[in-house]
Amino acid sequence: MTEPEVSITPLENGPYLVKGAVTLRDADGTEYKSERATIALCRCGASTSKPFCDGTHSKIGFAAAERAVREAQEPGTA
């Protein structure tokens, strides 16, 4: 049996949208269950419902990094 697909998509200046069945644990090992097919995880650090997004990013003017940084490749490799 194959595992269901999981995707993580950062919204522009917003949260990470996580789609699919995942188990979310904090640094203490506490598990957070969600019955939703998609959850929004805080990226700005200001949410009052961490690790979940509560929309605070739009109130504080959070500006995320433009794009992911790709690893540098050795010259002559591709």
N, C-alpha and C. Protein backbone atom coordinates (compact mmCIF):
# COMPACT_ATOMS: atom_id res chain seq x y z
N MET A 1 0.84 -1.17 0.00
CA MET A 1 0.00 0.00 0.00
C MET A 1 0.89 1.24 0.00
N THR A 2 0.57 2.23 -0.81
CA THR A 2 1.38 3.44 -0.87
C THR A 2 0.88 4.48 0.12
N GLU A 3 1.82 5.26 0.61
CA GLU A 3 1.48 6.34 1.54
C GLU A 3 0.80 7.48 0.79
N PRO A 4 -0.15 8.17 1.43
CA PRO A 4 -0.77 9.32 0.78
C PRO A 4 0.27 10.43 0.60
N GLU A 5 0.11 11.20 -0.45
CA GLU A 5 1.05 12.28 -0.74
C GLU A 5 0.88 13.43 0.24
N VAL A 6 1.99 13.99 0.65
CA VAL A 6 2.00 15.16 1.52
C VAL A 6 2.73 16.27 0.78
N SER A 7 2.17 17.48 0.84
CA SER A 7 2.86 18.62 0.24
C SER A 7 2.89 19.77 1.23
N ILE A 8 3.96 20.56 1.15
CA ILE A 8 4.12 21.75 1.99
C ILE A 8 4.38 22.91 1.06
N THR A 9 3.50 23.92 1.13
CA THR A 9 3.59 25.06 0.25
C THR A 9 3.60 26.35 1.07
N PRO A 10 4.65 27.17 0.96
CA PRO A 10 4.65 28.44 1.67
C PRO A 10 3.78 29.45 0.92
N LEU A 11 2.91 30.13 1.64
CA LEU A 11 2.14 31.21 1.04
C LEU A 11 2.97 32.48 1.11
N GLU A 12 2.85 33.33 0.12
CA GLU A 12 3.62 34.56 0.10
C GLU A 12 3.33 35.38 1.35
N ASN A 13 4.37 35.63 2.14
CA ASN A 13 4.28 36.38 3.39
C ASN A 13 3.23 35.82 4.34
N GLY A 14 3.06 34.50 4.29
CA GLY A 14 2.07 33.84 5.14
C GLY A 14 2.57 32.51 5.64
N PRO A 15 1.66 31.64 6.03
CA PRO A 15 2.03 30.37 6.64
C PRO A 15 2.46 29.31 5.63
N TYR A 16 2.93 28.19 6.16
CA TYR A 16 3.14 27.00 5.36
C TYR A 16 1.82 26.24 5.33
N LEU A 17 1.33 25.90 4.15
CA LEU A 17 0.16 25.05 4.04
C LEU A 17 0.63 23.61 3.89
N VAL A 18 0.17 22.75 4.79
CA VAL A 18 0.55 21.35 4.77
C VAL A 18 -0.69 20.54 4.40
N LYS A 19 -0.60 19.86 3.27
CA LYS A 19 -1.72 19.05 2.78
C LYS A 19 -1.34 17.58 2.87
N GLY A 20 -2.22 16.79 3.43
CA GLY A 20 -1.97 15.36 3.56
C GLY A 20 -1.91 14.95 5.02
N ALA A 21 -1.86 13.66 5.23
CA ALA A 21 -1.84 13.10 6.58
C ALA A 21 -0.44 13.19 7.17
N VAL A 22 -0.29 14.00 8.20
CA VAL A 22 1.00 14.15 8.87
C VAL A 22 0.79 14.06 10.38
N THR A 23 1.84 13.72 11.10
CA THR A 23 1.85 13.78 12.55
C THR A 23 2.73 14.95 12.92
N LEU A 24 2.19 15.90 13.63
CA LEU A 24 2.93 17.10 14.01
C LEU A 24 3.31 16.98 15.48
N ARG A 25 4.61 17.09 15.78
CA ARG A 25 5.11 17.03 17.15
C ARG A 25 5.93 18.28 17.45
N ASP A 26 5.80 18.78 18.69
CA ASP A 26 6.63 19.91 19.07
C ASP A 26 7.94 19.42 19.67
N ALA A 27 8.77 20.33 20.15
CA ALA A 27 10.10 19.97 20.65
C ALA A 27 10.03 19.05 21.87
N ASP A 28 8.92 19.08 22.59
CA ASP A 28 8.74 18.21 23.76
C ASP A 28 8.15 16.86 23.40
N GLY A 29 7.82 16.66 22.12
CA GLY A 29 7.23 15.41 21.68
C GLY A 29 5.71 15.37 21.73
N THR A 30 5.10 16.49 22.12
CA THR A 30 3.65 16.56 22.17
C THR A 30 3.09 16.51 20.76
N GLU A 31 2.12 15.62 20.53
CA GLU A 31 1.52 15.49 19.21
C GLU A 31 0.30 16.39 19.09
N TYR A 32 0.15 17.00 17.92
CA TYR A 32 -1.01 17.83 17.62
C TYR A 32 -1.79 17.13 16.51
N LYS A 33 -3.01 16.79 16.80
CA LYS A 33 -3.86 16.11 15.83
C LYS A 33 -4.71 17.14 15.10
N SER A 34 -4.99 16.87 13.86
CA SER A 34 -5.89 17.71 13.08
C SER A 34 -6.77 16.83 12.24
N GLU A 35 -8.03 17.15 12.21
CA GLU A 35 -8.98 16.40 11.39
C GLU A 35 -9.07 17.02 10.00
N ARG A 36 -8.38 18.12 9.78
CA ARG A 36 -8.44 18.82 8.49
C ARG A 36 -7.50 18.19 7.47
N ALA A 37 -7.86 18.31 6.21
CA ALA A 37 -7.02 17.80 5.13
C ALA A 37 -5.83 18.72 4.90
N THR A 38 -5.96 20.01 5.27
CA THR A 38 -4.90 21.00 5.13
C THR A 38 -4.78 21.78 6.42
N ILE A 39 -3.53 21.95 6.90
CA ILE A 39 -3.29 22.79 8.07
C ILE A 39 -2.35 23.91 7.68
N ALA A 40 -2.42 25.03 8.40
CA ALA A 40 -1.56 26.19 8.16
C ALA A 40 -0.63 26.34 9.37
N LEU A 41 0.67 26.26 9.12
CA LEU A 41 1.66 26.39 10.18
C LEU A 41 2.29 27.77 10.16
N CYS A 42 2.42 28.37 11.34
CA CYS A 42 2.97 29.71 11.48
C CYS A 42 4.41 29.77 10.99
N ARG A 43 4.71 30.83 10.25
CA ARG A 43 6.07 31.08 9.77
C ARG A 43 6.62 32.38 10.35
N CYS A 44 5.73 33.25 10.84
CA CYS A 44 6.17 34.57 11.29
C CYS A 44 6.63 34.57 12.74
N GLY A 45 6.20 33.57 13.51
CA GLY A 45 6.60 33.48 14.92
C GLY A 45 5.70 34.25 15.86
N ALA A 46 4.68 34.93 15.37
CA ALA A 46 3.84 35.77 16.22
C ALA A 46 2.46 35.19 16.51
N SER A 47 2.14 34.03 15.97
CA SER A 47 0.83 33.44 16.20
C SER A 47 0.61 33.14 17.67
N THR A 48 -0.60 33.34 18.15
CA THR A 48 -0.92 32.99 19.53
C THR A 48 -1.42 31.55 19.63
N SER A 49 -1.48 30.87 18.49
CA SER A 49 -1.90 29.46 18.49
C SER A 49 -0.83 28.57 17.85
N LYS A 50 0.45 28.91 18.11
CA LYS A 50 1.56 28.13 17.56
C LYS A 50 1.37 26.65 17.90
N PRO A 51 1.69 25.77 17.03
CA PRO A 51 2.40 25.96 15.78
C PRO A 51 1.51 26.37 14.61
N PHE A 52 0.22 26.56 14.90
CA PHE A 52 -0.71 26.88 13.83
C PHE A 52 -0.79 28.38 13.58
N CYS A 53 -1.12 28.74 12.36
CA CYS A 53 -1.26 30.15 11.96
C CYS A 53 -2.60 30.69 12.45
N ASP A 54 -2.57 31.91 12.98
CA ASP A 54 -3.82 32.57 13.37
C ASP A 54 -4.06 33.87 12.60
N GLY A 55 -3.27 34.11 11.56
CA GLY A 55 -3.45 35.30 10.73
C GLY A 55 -2.67 36.52 11.20
N THR A 56 -1.92 36.41 12.29
CA THR A 56 -1.17 37.55 12.82
C THR A 56 -0.16 38.10 11.82
N HIS A 57 0.37 37.24 10.94
CA HIS A 57 1.36 37.69 9.96
C HIS A 57 0.88 38.89 9.15
N SER A 58 -0.42 38.94 8.86
CA SER A 58 -0.95 40.05 8.06
C SER A 58 -1.05 41.33 8.89
N LYS A 59 -1.14 41.21 10.21
CA LYS A 59 -1.25 42.39 11.08
C LYS A 59 0.11 43.00 11.39
N ILE A 60 1.17 42.17 11.37
CA ILE A 60 2.49 42.67 11.75
C ILE A 60 3.38 42.98 10.55
N GLY A 61 2.87 42.74 9.35
CA GLY A 61 3.65 43.03 8.14
C GLY A 61 4.77 42.04 7.90
N PHE A 62 4.55 40.77 8.25
CA PHE A 62 5.57 39.75 8.04
C PHE A 62 5.98 39.68 6.58
N ALA A 63 7.28 39.68 6.34
CA ALA A 63 7.82 39.55 4.98
C ALA A 63 8.75 38.34 4.96
N ALA A 64 8.34 37.31 4.25
CA ALA A 64 9.12 36.08 4.18
C ALA A 64 10.23 36.21 3.15
N ALA A 65 11.16 35.26 3.22
CA ALA A 65 12.21 35.19 2.20
C ALA A 65 11.53 35.02 0.85
N GLU A 66 12.12 35.58 -0.17
CA GLU A 66 11.53 35.52 -1.51
C GLU A 66 11.32 34.10 -2.00
N ARG A 67 12.37 33.32 -2.04
CA ARG A 67 12.32 31.97 -2.56
C ARG A 67 13.29 31.08 -1.79
N ALA A 68 13.13 29.79 -1.93
CA ALA A 68 14.05 28.85 -1.29
C ALA A 68 15.43 29.00 -1.93
N VAL A 69 16.46 28.80 -1.14
CA VAL A 69 17.83 28.88 -1.64
C VAL A 69 18.25 27.48 -2.04
N ARG A 70 18.66 27.34 -3.28
CA ARG A 70 19.11 26.04 -3.75
C ARG A 70 20.58 25.86 -3.38
N GLU A 71 20.97 24.61 -3.18
CA GLU A 71 22.36 24.31 -2.86
C GLU A 71 23.24 24.66 -4.05
N ALA A 72 24.42 25.20 -3.76
CA ALA A 72 25.37 25.53 -4.82
C ALA A 72 25.89 24.23 -5.43
N GLN A 73 26.00 24.21 -6.74
CA GLN A 73 26.52 23.02 -7.40
C GLN A 73 27.97 23.24 -7.77
N GLU A 74 28.71 22.15 -7.83
CA GLU A 74 30.11 22.20 -8.22
C GLU A 74 30.20 22.67 -9.68
N PRO A 75 31.19 23.49 -10.01
CA PRO A 75 31.36 23.89 -11.42
C PRO A 75 31.48 22.66 -12.32
N GLY A 76 30.80 22.68 -13.43
CA GLY A 76 30.87 21.59 -14.40
C GLY A 76 29.90 20.46 -14.12
N THR A 77 29.08 20.58 -13.05
CA THR A 77 28.08 19.54 -12.78
C THR A 77 26.69 20.13 -12.97
N ALA A 78 25.78 19.29 -13.34
CA ALA A 78 24.40 19.75 -13.48
C ALA A 78 23.44 18.62 -13.29
